[in-house]
């Protein structure tokens, strides 16, 4: 198990950049099986300006995007997948259980269900202080 992969290594794996890079650090990885990543939710995030003024809440679509990016890190940890793009192909059974607000540490847990050469499926969970904020099944395609 590899631990504590910093942002510079994540930026080698993912094509995303500010403001769409939503993974700050990889905390744990078991190649081809699971990954645990971190997104520090800052009050400076641009989306908080309009979502919602006076009561900032991280949009659910961006929580799912953060989970998808963590899942992509799991896939791109394999050298043969580097340089490819991972496209979100589907979201099933998404549930939002608590709001995510400025100052939260969003822990992104991804467990691989099926990993193929050009397609994958995983179970994803976003937690804040040990509480589930969001859970879903994510499907992706590699090109």
N, C-alpha and C. Protein backbone atom coordinates (compact mmCIF):
# COMPACT_ATOMS: atom_id res chain seq x y z
N UNK A 1 0.84 -1.17 0.00
CA UNK A 1 0.00 0.00 0.00
C UNK A 1 0.89 1.24 0.00
N UNK A 2 0.65 2.14 -0.93
CA UNK A 2 1.38 3.39 -1.02
C UNK A 2 0.58 4.47 -0.28
N UNK A 3 1.27 5.37 0.38
CA UNK A 3 0.58 6.41 1.13
C UNK A 3 1.13 7.79 0.82
N UNK A 4 0.32 8.80 1.10
CA UNK A 4 0.69 10.21 1.02
C UNK A 4 1.33 10.61 -0.31
N UNK A 5 0.54 10.57 -1.34
CA UNK A 5 0.99 11.03 -2.65
C UNK A 5 0.59 12.49 -2.76
N UNK A 6 1.56 13.39 -2.96
CA UNK A 6 1.28 14.83 -2.94
C UNK A 6 0.70 15.35 -4.25
N UNK A 7 0.32 16.62 -4.23
CA UNK A 7 -0.37 17.25 -5.35
C UNK A 7 0.44 17.23 -6.64
N UNK A 8 1.76 17.39 -6.58
CA UNK A 8 2.53 17.39 -7.82
C UNK A 8 2.44 16.06 -8.55
N UNK A 9 2.40 14.97 -7.81
CA UNK A 9 2.24 13.64 -8.43
C UNK A 9 0.82 13.46 -8.96
N UNK A 10 -0.18 13.98 -8.24
CA UNK A 10 -1.57 13.91 -8.70
C UNK A 10 -1.70 14.67 -10.02
N UNK A 11 -1.02 15.82 -10.12
CA UNK A 11 -1.10 16.62 -11.35
C UNK A 11 -0.40 15.93 -12.52
N UNK A 12 0.48 14.99 -12.26
CA UNK A 12 1.05 14.17 -13.32
C UNK A 12 0.04 13.15 -13.82
N UNK A 13 -0.87 12.72 -12.95
CA UNK A 13 -1.87 11.71 -13.31
C UNK A 13 -3.11 12.32 -13.95
N UNK A 14 -3.59 13.43 -13.39
CA UNK A 14 -4.84 14.03 -13.85
C UNK A 14 -4.58 15.23 -14.75
N UNK A 15 -5.41 15.42 -15.79
CA UNK A 15 -5.25 16.60 -16.64
C UNK A 15 -5.90 17.84 -16.04
N UNK A 16 -6.69 17.71 -15.00
CA UNK A 16 -7.42 18.83 -14.40
C UNK A 16 -6.46 19.85 -13.78
N UNK A 17 -6.86 21.10 -13.83
CA UNK A 17 -6.13 22.19 -13.21
C UNK A 17 -7.14 23.13 -12.56
N UNK A 18 -6.63 24.07 -11.74
CA UNK A 18 -7.51 25.02 -11.08
C UNK A 18 -8.41 25.69 -12.11
N UNK A 19 -9.67 25.83 -11.85
CA UNK A 19 -10.38 25.57 -10.59
C UNK A 19 -11.04 24.18 -10.54
N UNK A 20 -10.73 23.31 -11.49
CA UNK A 20 -11.42 22.02 -11.55
C UNK A 20 -10.65 20.86 -10.93
N UNK A 21 -9.44 21.06 -10.48
CA UNK A 21 -8.71 19.99 -9.80
C UNK A 21 -9.24 19.89 -8.37
N UNK A 22 -9.87 18.78 -8.05
CA UNK A 22 -10.59 18.63 -6.78
C UNK A 22 -10.01 17.54 -5.88
N UNK A 23 -8.78 17.13 -6.12
CA UNK A 23 -8.08 16.17 -5.26
C UNK A 23 -6.78 16.84 -4.82
N UNK A 24 -6.59 16.97 -3.51
CA UNK A 24 -5.40 17.62 -2.98
C UNK A 24 -4.29 16.65 -2.60
N UNK A 25 -4.65 15.45 -2.18
CA UNK A 25 -3.65 14.49 -1.72
C UNK A 25 -4.25 13.09 -1.75
N UNK A 26 -3.41 12.12 -2.07
CA UNK A 26 -3.81 10.72 -1.95
C UNK A 26 -3.25 10.22 -0.62
N UNK A 27 -4.14 9.71 0.22
CA UNK A 27 -3.76 9.25 1.55
C UNK A 27 -3.38 7.78 1.57
N UNK A 28 -4.09 6.98 0.78
CA UNK A 28 -3.83 5.53 0.70
C UNK A 28 -4.17 5.07 -0.70
N UNK A 29 -3.44 4.08 -1.16
CA UNK A 29 -3.79 3.44 -2.43
C UNK A 29 -3.37 1.98 -2.40
N UNK A 30 -4.28 1.14 -2.81
CA UNK A 30 -4.01 -0.27 -3.07
C UNK A 30 -4.28 -0.43 -4.57
N UNK A 31 -3.23 -0.46 -5.39
CA UNK A 31 -3.41 -0.47 -6.84
C UNK A 31 -4.46 -1.48 -7.31
N UNK A 32 -5.30 -1.01 -8.22
CA UNK A 32 -6.38 -1.80 -8.82
C UNK A 32 -7.49 -2.17 -7.85
N UNK A 33 -7.43 -1.71 -6.59
CA UNK A 33 -8.45 -2.09 -5.61
C UNK A 33 -9.16 -0.91 -4.98
N UNK A 34 -8.40 0.00 -4.34
CA UNK A 34 -9.04 1.11 -3.64
C UNK A 34 -8.08 2.27 -3.49
N UNK A 35 -8.69 3.43 -3.26
CA UNK A 35 -7.92 4.65 -3.03
C UNK A 35 -8.67 5.50 -2.02
N UNK A 36 -7.92 6.21 -1.20
CA UNK A 36 -8.48 7.19 -0.27
C UNK A 36 -7.75 8.50 -0.55
N UNK A 37 -8.51 9.54 -0.88
CA UNK A 37 -7.93 10.83 -1.23
C UNK A 37 -8.56 11.93 -0.38
N UNK A 38 -7.99 13.11 -0.46
CA UNK A 38 -8.42 14.25 0.34
C UNK A 38 -8.69 15.46 -0.53
N UNK A 39 -9.79 16.13 -0.26
CA UNK A 39 -10.10 17.44 -0.84
C UNK A 39 -10.33 18.38 0.33
N UNK A 40 -9.44 19.36 0.52
CA UNK A 40 -9.64 20.39 1.52
C UNK A 40 -10.59 21.42 0.94
N UNK A 41 -11.72 21.60 1.58
CA UNK A 41 -12.75 22.52 1.08
C UNK A 41 -12.49 23.89 1.69
N UNK A 42 -12.05 24.81 0.86
CA UNK A 42 -11.67 26.15 1.31
C UNK A 42 -12.79 27.16 1.09
N UNK A 43 -12.87 28.14 1.96
CA UNK A 43 -13.83 29.23 1.78
C UNK A 43 -13.52 30.02 0.52
N UNK A 44 -12.32 29.87 -0.04
CA UNK A 44 -11.92 30.60 -1.24
C UNK A 44 -12.39 29.93 -2.53
N UNK A 45 -13.05 28.78 -2.45
CA UNK A 45 -13.52 28.11 -3.67
C UNK A 45 -14.48 29.05 -4.43
N UNK A 46 -14.28 29.18 -5.72
CA UNK A 46 -15.07 30.12 -6.53
C UNK A 46 -16.57 29.80 -6.48
N UNK A 47 -16.93 28.53 -6.41
CA UNK A 47 -18.36 28.18 -6.45
C UNK A 47 -19.12 28.67 -5.23
N UNK A 48 -18.43 28.92 -4.11
CA UNK A 48 -19.12 29.40 -2.91
C UNK A 48 -19.68 30.81 -3.08
N UNK A 49 -19.18 31.57 -4.06
CA UNK A 49 -19.70 32.92 -4.29
C UNK A 49 -21.18 32.89 -4.65
N UNK A 50 -21.60 31.86 -5.34
CA UNK A 50 -23.00 31.81 -5.77
C UNK A 50 -23.78 30.63 -5.24
N UNK A 51 -23.15 29.77 -4.45
CA UNK A 51 -23.82 28.53 -3.99
C UNK A 51 -23.59 28.34 -2.50
N UNK A 52 -24.21 28.90 -1.66
CA UNK A 52 -25.21 29.93 -1.75
C UNK A 52 -24.74 31.14 -0.95
N UNK A 53 -24.98 32.37 -1.42
CA UNK A 53 -24.57 33.55 -0.66
C UNK A 53 -25.17 33.51 0.75
N UNK A 54 -24.32 33.67 1.75
CA UNK A 54 -24.78 33.63 3.13
C UNK A 54 -24.85 32.25 3.74
N UNK A 55 -24.87 31.20 2.92
CA UNK A 55 -24.87 29.81 3.41
C UNK A 55 -24.14 28.94 2.40
N UNK A 56 -22.81 29.00 2.37
CA UNK A 56 -22.04 28.27 1.36
C UNK A 56 -22.13 26.75 1.52
N UNK A 57 -22.47 26.08 0.43
CA UNK A 57 -22.57 24.62 0.38
C UNK A 57 -21.91 24.16 -0.92
N UNK A 58 -21.03 23.16 -0.83
CA UNK A 58 -20.38 22.61 -2.03
C UNK A 58 -21.44 21.91 -2.88
N UNK A 59 -21.54 22.26 -4.17
CA UNK A 59 -22.53 21.61 -5.04
C UNK A 59 -22.32 20.09 -5.12
N UNK A 60 -23.42 19.35 -5.10
CA UNK A 60 -23.36 17.90 -5.18
C UNK A 60 -22.64 17.42 -6.42
N UNK A 61 -22.82 18.12 -7.54
CA UNK A 61 -22.15 17.71 -8.78
C UNK A 61 -20.63 17.78 -8.62
N UNK A 62 -20.14 18.74 -7.83
CA UNK A 62 -18.69 18.85 -7.62
C UNK A 62 -18.19 17.82 -6.63
N UNK A 63 -19.02 17.40 -5.70
CA UNK A 63 -18.64 16.29 -4.82
C UNK A 63 -18.48 15.02 -5.67
N UNK A 64 -19.43 14.79 -6.58
CA UNK A 64 -19.32 13.64 -7.48
C UNK A 64 -18.08 13.76 -8.37
N UNK A 65 -17.79 14.96 -8.84
CA UNK A 65 -16.60 15.18 -9.66
C UNK A 65 -15.33 14.87 -8.87
N UNK A 66 -15.28 15.29 -7.61
CA UNK A 66 -14.11 14.98 -6.77
C UNK A 66 -13.95 13.48 -6.61
N UNK A 67 -15.07 12.78 -6.40
CA UNK A 67 -15.01 11.31 -6.31
C UNK A 67 -14.52 10.70 -7.62
N UNK A 68 -15.02 11.22 -8.75
CA UNK A 68 -14.60 10.71 -10.05
C UNK A 68 -13.10 10.94 -10.28
N UNK A 69 -12.59 12.10 -9.87
CA UNK A 69 -11.16 12.38 -10.02
C UNK A 69 -10.33 11.44 -9.16
N UNK A 70 -10.79 11.16 -7.94
CA UNK A 70 -10.07 10.21 -7.09
C UNK A 70 -10.05 8.83 -7.74
N UNK A 71 -11.21 8.44 -8.32
CA UNK A 71 -11.26 7.17 -9.04
C UNK A 71 -10.32 7.15 -10.23
N UNK A 72 -10.21 8.27 -10.93
CA UNK A 72 -9.27 8.36 -12.06
C UNK A 72 -7.83 8.19 -11.58
N UNK A 73 -7.51 8.72 -10.41
CA UNK A 73 -6.16 8.53 -9.85
C UNK A 73 -5.87 7.06 -9.64
N UNK A 74 -6.88 6.31 -9.20
CA UNK A 74 -6.70 4.87 -9.02
C UNK A 74 -6.35 4.22 -10.36
N UNK A 75 -7.07 4.60 -11.40
CA UNK A 75 -6.85 4.04 -12.74
C UNK A 75 -5.50 4.50 -13.31
N UNK A 76 -5.18 5.79 -13.13
CA UNK A 76 -3.95 6.34 -13.70
C UNK A 76 -2.72 6.01 -12.88
N UNK A 77 -2.89 5.37 -11.73
CA UNK A 77 -1.74 4.91 -10.97
C UNK A 77 -0.97 3.85 -11.77
N UNK A 78 -1.71 3.13 -12.64
CA UNK A 78 -1.07 2.16 -13.54
C UNK A 78 -0.39 2.93 -14.67
N UNK A 79 0.87 2.68 -14.85
CA UNK A 79 1.67 3.39 -15.84
C UNK A 79 1.07 3.30 -17.25
N UNK A 80 0.52 2.15 -17.62
CA UNK A 80 -0.02 1.99 -18.98
C UNK A 80 -1.25 2.84 -19.24
N UNK A 81 -1.87 3.39 -18.19
CA UNK A 81 -3.04 4.25 -18.37
C UNK A 81 -2.69 5.74 -18.38
N UNK A 82 -1.45 6.08 -18.07
CA UNK A 82 -1.05 7.49 -18.03
C UNK A 82 -1.18 8.10 -19.41
N UNK A 83 -1.62 9.34 -19.44
CA UNK A 83 -1.78 10.05 -20.71
C UNK A 83 -3.14 9.84 -21.34
N UNK A 84 -3.93 8.92 -20.81
CA UNK A 84 -5.29 8.72 -21.31
C UNK A 84 -6.22 9.69 -20.58
N UNK A 85 -7.43 9.78 -21.06
CA UNK A 85 -8.46 10.56 -20.38
C UNK A 85 -9.51 9.62 -19.84
N UNK A 86 -10.01 9.92 -18.66
CA UNK A 86 -11.11 9.16 -18.07
C UNK A 86 -12.35 10.05 -18.12
N UNK A 87 -13.39 9.55 -18.76
CA UNK A 87 -14.65 10.29 -18.86
C UNK A 87 -15.69 9.64 -17.97
N UNK A 88 -16.37 10.45 -17.20
CA UNK A 88 -17.46 9.94 -16.37
C UNK A 88 -18.56 9.46 -17.31
N UNK A 89 -18.91 8.18 -17.21
CA UNK A 89 -19.88 7.58 -18.12
C UNK A 89 -21.23 7.34 -17.46
N UNK A 90 -21.28 7.36 -16.14
CA UNK A 90 -22.55 7.14 -15.47
C UNK A 90 -22.42 7.27 -13.97
N UNK A 91 -23.53 7.62 -13.36
CA UNK A 91 -23.63 7.71 -11.91
C UNK A 91 -24.92 7.00 -11.51
N UNK A 92 -24.81 6.00 -10.66
CA UNK A 92 -25.98 5.28 -10.16
C UNK A 92 -26.06 5.41 -8.65
N UNK A 93 -27.28 5.40 -8.17
CA UNK A 93 -27.56 5.34 -6.73
C UNK A 93 -26.88 6.45 -5.93
N UNK A 94 -26.78 7.65 -6.50
CA UNK A 94 -26.17 8.77 -5.78
C UNK A 94 -27.10 9.24 -4.67
N UNK A 95 -26.52 9.43 -3.50
CA UNK A 95 -27.26 9.92 -2.34
C UNK A 95 -26.40 10.96 -1.64
N UNK A 96 -27.04 12.06 -1.27
CA UNK A 96 -26.37 13.13 -0.54
C UNK A 96 -26.95 13.15 0.86
N UNK A 97 -26.08 13.00 1.85
CA UNK A 97 -26.54 12.79 3.22
C UNK A 97 -26.28 13.96 4.15
N UNK A 98 -25.34 14.83 3.82
CA UNK A 98 -25.05 16.01 4.63
C UNK A 98 -24.37 17.04 3.76
N UNK A 99 -24.53 18.32 4.10
CA UNK A 99 -23.85 19.35 3.30
C UNK A 99 -22.35 19.36 3.56
N UNK A 100 -21.62 19.82 2.56
CA UNK A 100 -20.18 20.02 2.65
C UNK A 100 -19.96 21.53 2.60
N UNK A 101 -19.27 22.06 3.60
CA UNK A 101 -19.14 23.50 3.76
C UNK A 101 -17.67 23.90 3.91
N UNK A 102 -17.37 25.21 3.79
CA UNK A 102 -15.99 25.67 3.93
C UNK A 102 -15.36 25.17 5.24
N UNK A 103 -14.11 24.75 5.11
CA UNK A 103 -13.36 24.24 6.26
C UNK A 103 -13.42 22.73 6.40
N UNK A 104 -14.34 22.09 5.69
CA UNK A 104 -14.45 20.63 5.76
C UNK A 104 -13.27 19.97 5.07
N UNK A 105 -12.88 18.82 5.58
CA UNK A 105 -11.91 17.93 4.93
C UNK A 105 -12.74 16.80 4.34
N UNK A 106 -12.83 16.79 3.03
CA UNK A 106 -13.64 15.79 2.32
C UNK A 106 -12.74 14.59 2.01
N UNK A 107 -13.04 13.47 2.65
CA UNK A 107 -12.29 12.23 2.43
C UNK A 107 -13.02 11.44 1.34
N UNK A 108 -12.30 11.11 0.29
CA UNK A 108 -12.86 10.45 -0.90
C UNK A 108 -12.39 9.00 -0.91
N UNK A 109 -13.33 8.08 -0.71
CA UNK A 109 -13.00 6.65 -0.70
C UNK A 109 -13.59 6.00 -1.94
N UNK A 110 -12.72 5.33 -2.70
CA UNK A 110 -13.14 4.67 -3.94
C UNK A 110 -12.73 3.22 -3.86
N UNK A 111 -13.66 2.34 -4.17
CA UNK A 111 -13.39 0.90 -4.23
C UNK A 111 -13.73 0.41 -5.63
N UNK A 112 -12.75 -0.19 -6.31
CA UNK A 112 -12.96 -0.71 -7.66
C UNK A 112 -13.91 -1.90 -7.62
N UNK A 113 -14.88 -1.90 -8.52
CA UNK A 113 -15.78 -3.04 -8.69
C UNK A 113 -15.35 -3.83 -9.92
N UNK A 114 -15.18 -3.13 -11.05
CA UNK A 114 -14.69 -3.72 -12.30
C UNK A 114 -13.70 -2.74 -12.92
N UNK A 115 -12.53 -3.20 -13.25
CA UNK A 115 -11.57 -2.40 -14.00
C UNK A 115 -11.19 -3.18 -15.25
N UNK A 116 -11.55 -2.63 -16.39
CA UNK A 116 -11.20 -3.23 -17.67
C UNK A 116 -10.23 -2.29 -18.39
N UNK A 117 -9.83 -2.68 -19.58
CA UNK A 117 -8.88 -1.88 -20.35
C UNK A 117 -9.44 -0.49 -20.69
N UNK A 118 -10.72 -0.40 -21.04
CA UNK A 118 -11.28 0.89 -21.45
C UNK A 118 -12.54 1.28 -20.69
N UNK A 119 -12.89 0.55 -19.64
CA UNK A 119 -14.11 0.84 -18.89
C UNK A 119 -13.92 0.43 -17.44
N UNK A 120 -14.61 1.10 -16.55
CA UNK A 120 -14.52 0.72 -15.14
C UNK A 120 -15.75 1.14 -14.37
N UNK A 121 -15.92 0.51 -13.22
CA UNK A 121 -17.01 0.82 -12.31
C UNK A 121 -16.46 0.78 -10.89
N UNK A 122 -16.91 1.72 -10.06
CA UNK A 122 -16.44 1.74 -8.68
C UNK A 122 -17.54 2.21 -7.74
N UNK A 123 -17.37 1.86 -6.47
CA UNK A 123 -18.21 2.38 -5.40
C UNK A 123 -17.47 3.56 -4.80
N UNK A 124 -18.18 4.64 -4.58
CA UNK A 124 -17.54 5.87 -4.11
C UNK A 124 -18.28 6.42 -2.90
N UNK A 125 -17.48 6.97 -1.99
CA UNK A 125 -18.06 7.55 -0.78
C UNK A 125 -17.24 8.78 -0.41
N UNK A 126 -17.93 9.89 -0.10
CA UNK A 126 -17.28 11.10 0.39
C UNK A 126 -17.70 11.30 1.84
N UNK A 127 -16.71 11.48 2.71
CA UNK A 127 -16.99 11.61 4.14
C UNK A 127 -16.43 12.92 4.69
N UNK A 128 -17.12 13.45 5.70
CA UNK A 128 -16.64 14.60 6.46
C UNK A 128 -16.73 14.20 7.92
N UNK A 129 -15.61 14.26 8.62
CA UNK A 129 -15.56 13.89 10.04
C UNK A 129 -16.19 12.51 10.30
N UNK A 130 -15.94 11.56 9.39
CA UNK A 130 -16.45 10.20 9.55
C UNK A 130 -17.90 10.02 9.14
N UNK A 131 -18.59 11.10 8.80
CA UNK A 131 -19.99 11.02 8.36
C UNK A 131 -20.05 10.99 6.84
N UNK A 132 -20.92 10.15 6.29
CA UNK A 132 -21.09 10.08 4.84
C UNK A 132 -21.80 11.35 4.36
N UNK A 133 -21.14 12.06 3.44
CA UNK A 133 -21.74 13.22 2.81
C UNK A 133 -22.40 12.84 1.49
N UNK A 134 -21.79 11.87 0.79
CA UNK A 134 -22.29 11.43 -0.51
C UNK A 134 -21.80 10.01 -0.76
N UNK A 135 -22.63 9.22 -1.40
CA UNK A 135 -22.20 7.90 -1.88
C UNK A 135 -22.86 7.65 -3.22
N UNK A 136 -22.16 6.88 -4.07
CA UNK A 136 -22.65 6.61 -5.42
C UNK A 136 -21.84 5.49 -6.04
N UNK A 137 -22.37 4.95 -7.14
CA UNK A 137 -21.60 4.07 -8.01
C UNK A 137 -21.26 4.88 -9.24
N UNK A 138 -19.98 4.86 -9.63
CA UNK A 138 -19.51 5.64 -10.77
C UNK A 138 -19.00 4.72 -11.86
N UNK A 139 -19.33 5.04 -13.11
CA UNK A 139 -18.81 4.33 -14.26
C UNK A 139 -17.98 5.31 -15.08
N UNK A 140 -16.90 4.82 -15.69
CA UNK A 140 -16.06 5.68 -16.49
C UNK A 140 -15.55 4.94 -17.72
N UNK A 141 -15.21 5.71 -18.73
CA UNK A 141 -14.62 5.17 -19.96
C UNK A 141 -13.24 5.81 -20.12
N UNK A 142 -12.28 5.01 -20.58
CA UNK A 142 -10.92 5.50 -20.84
C UNK A 142 -10.70 5.65 -22.33
N UNK A 143 -10.09 6.75 -22.72
CA UNK A 143 -9.70 6.97 -24.12
C UNK A 143 -8.26 7.39 -24.17
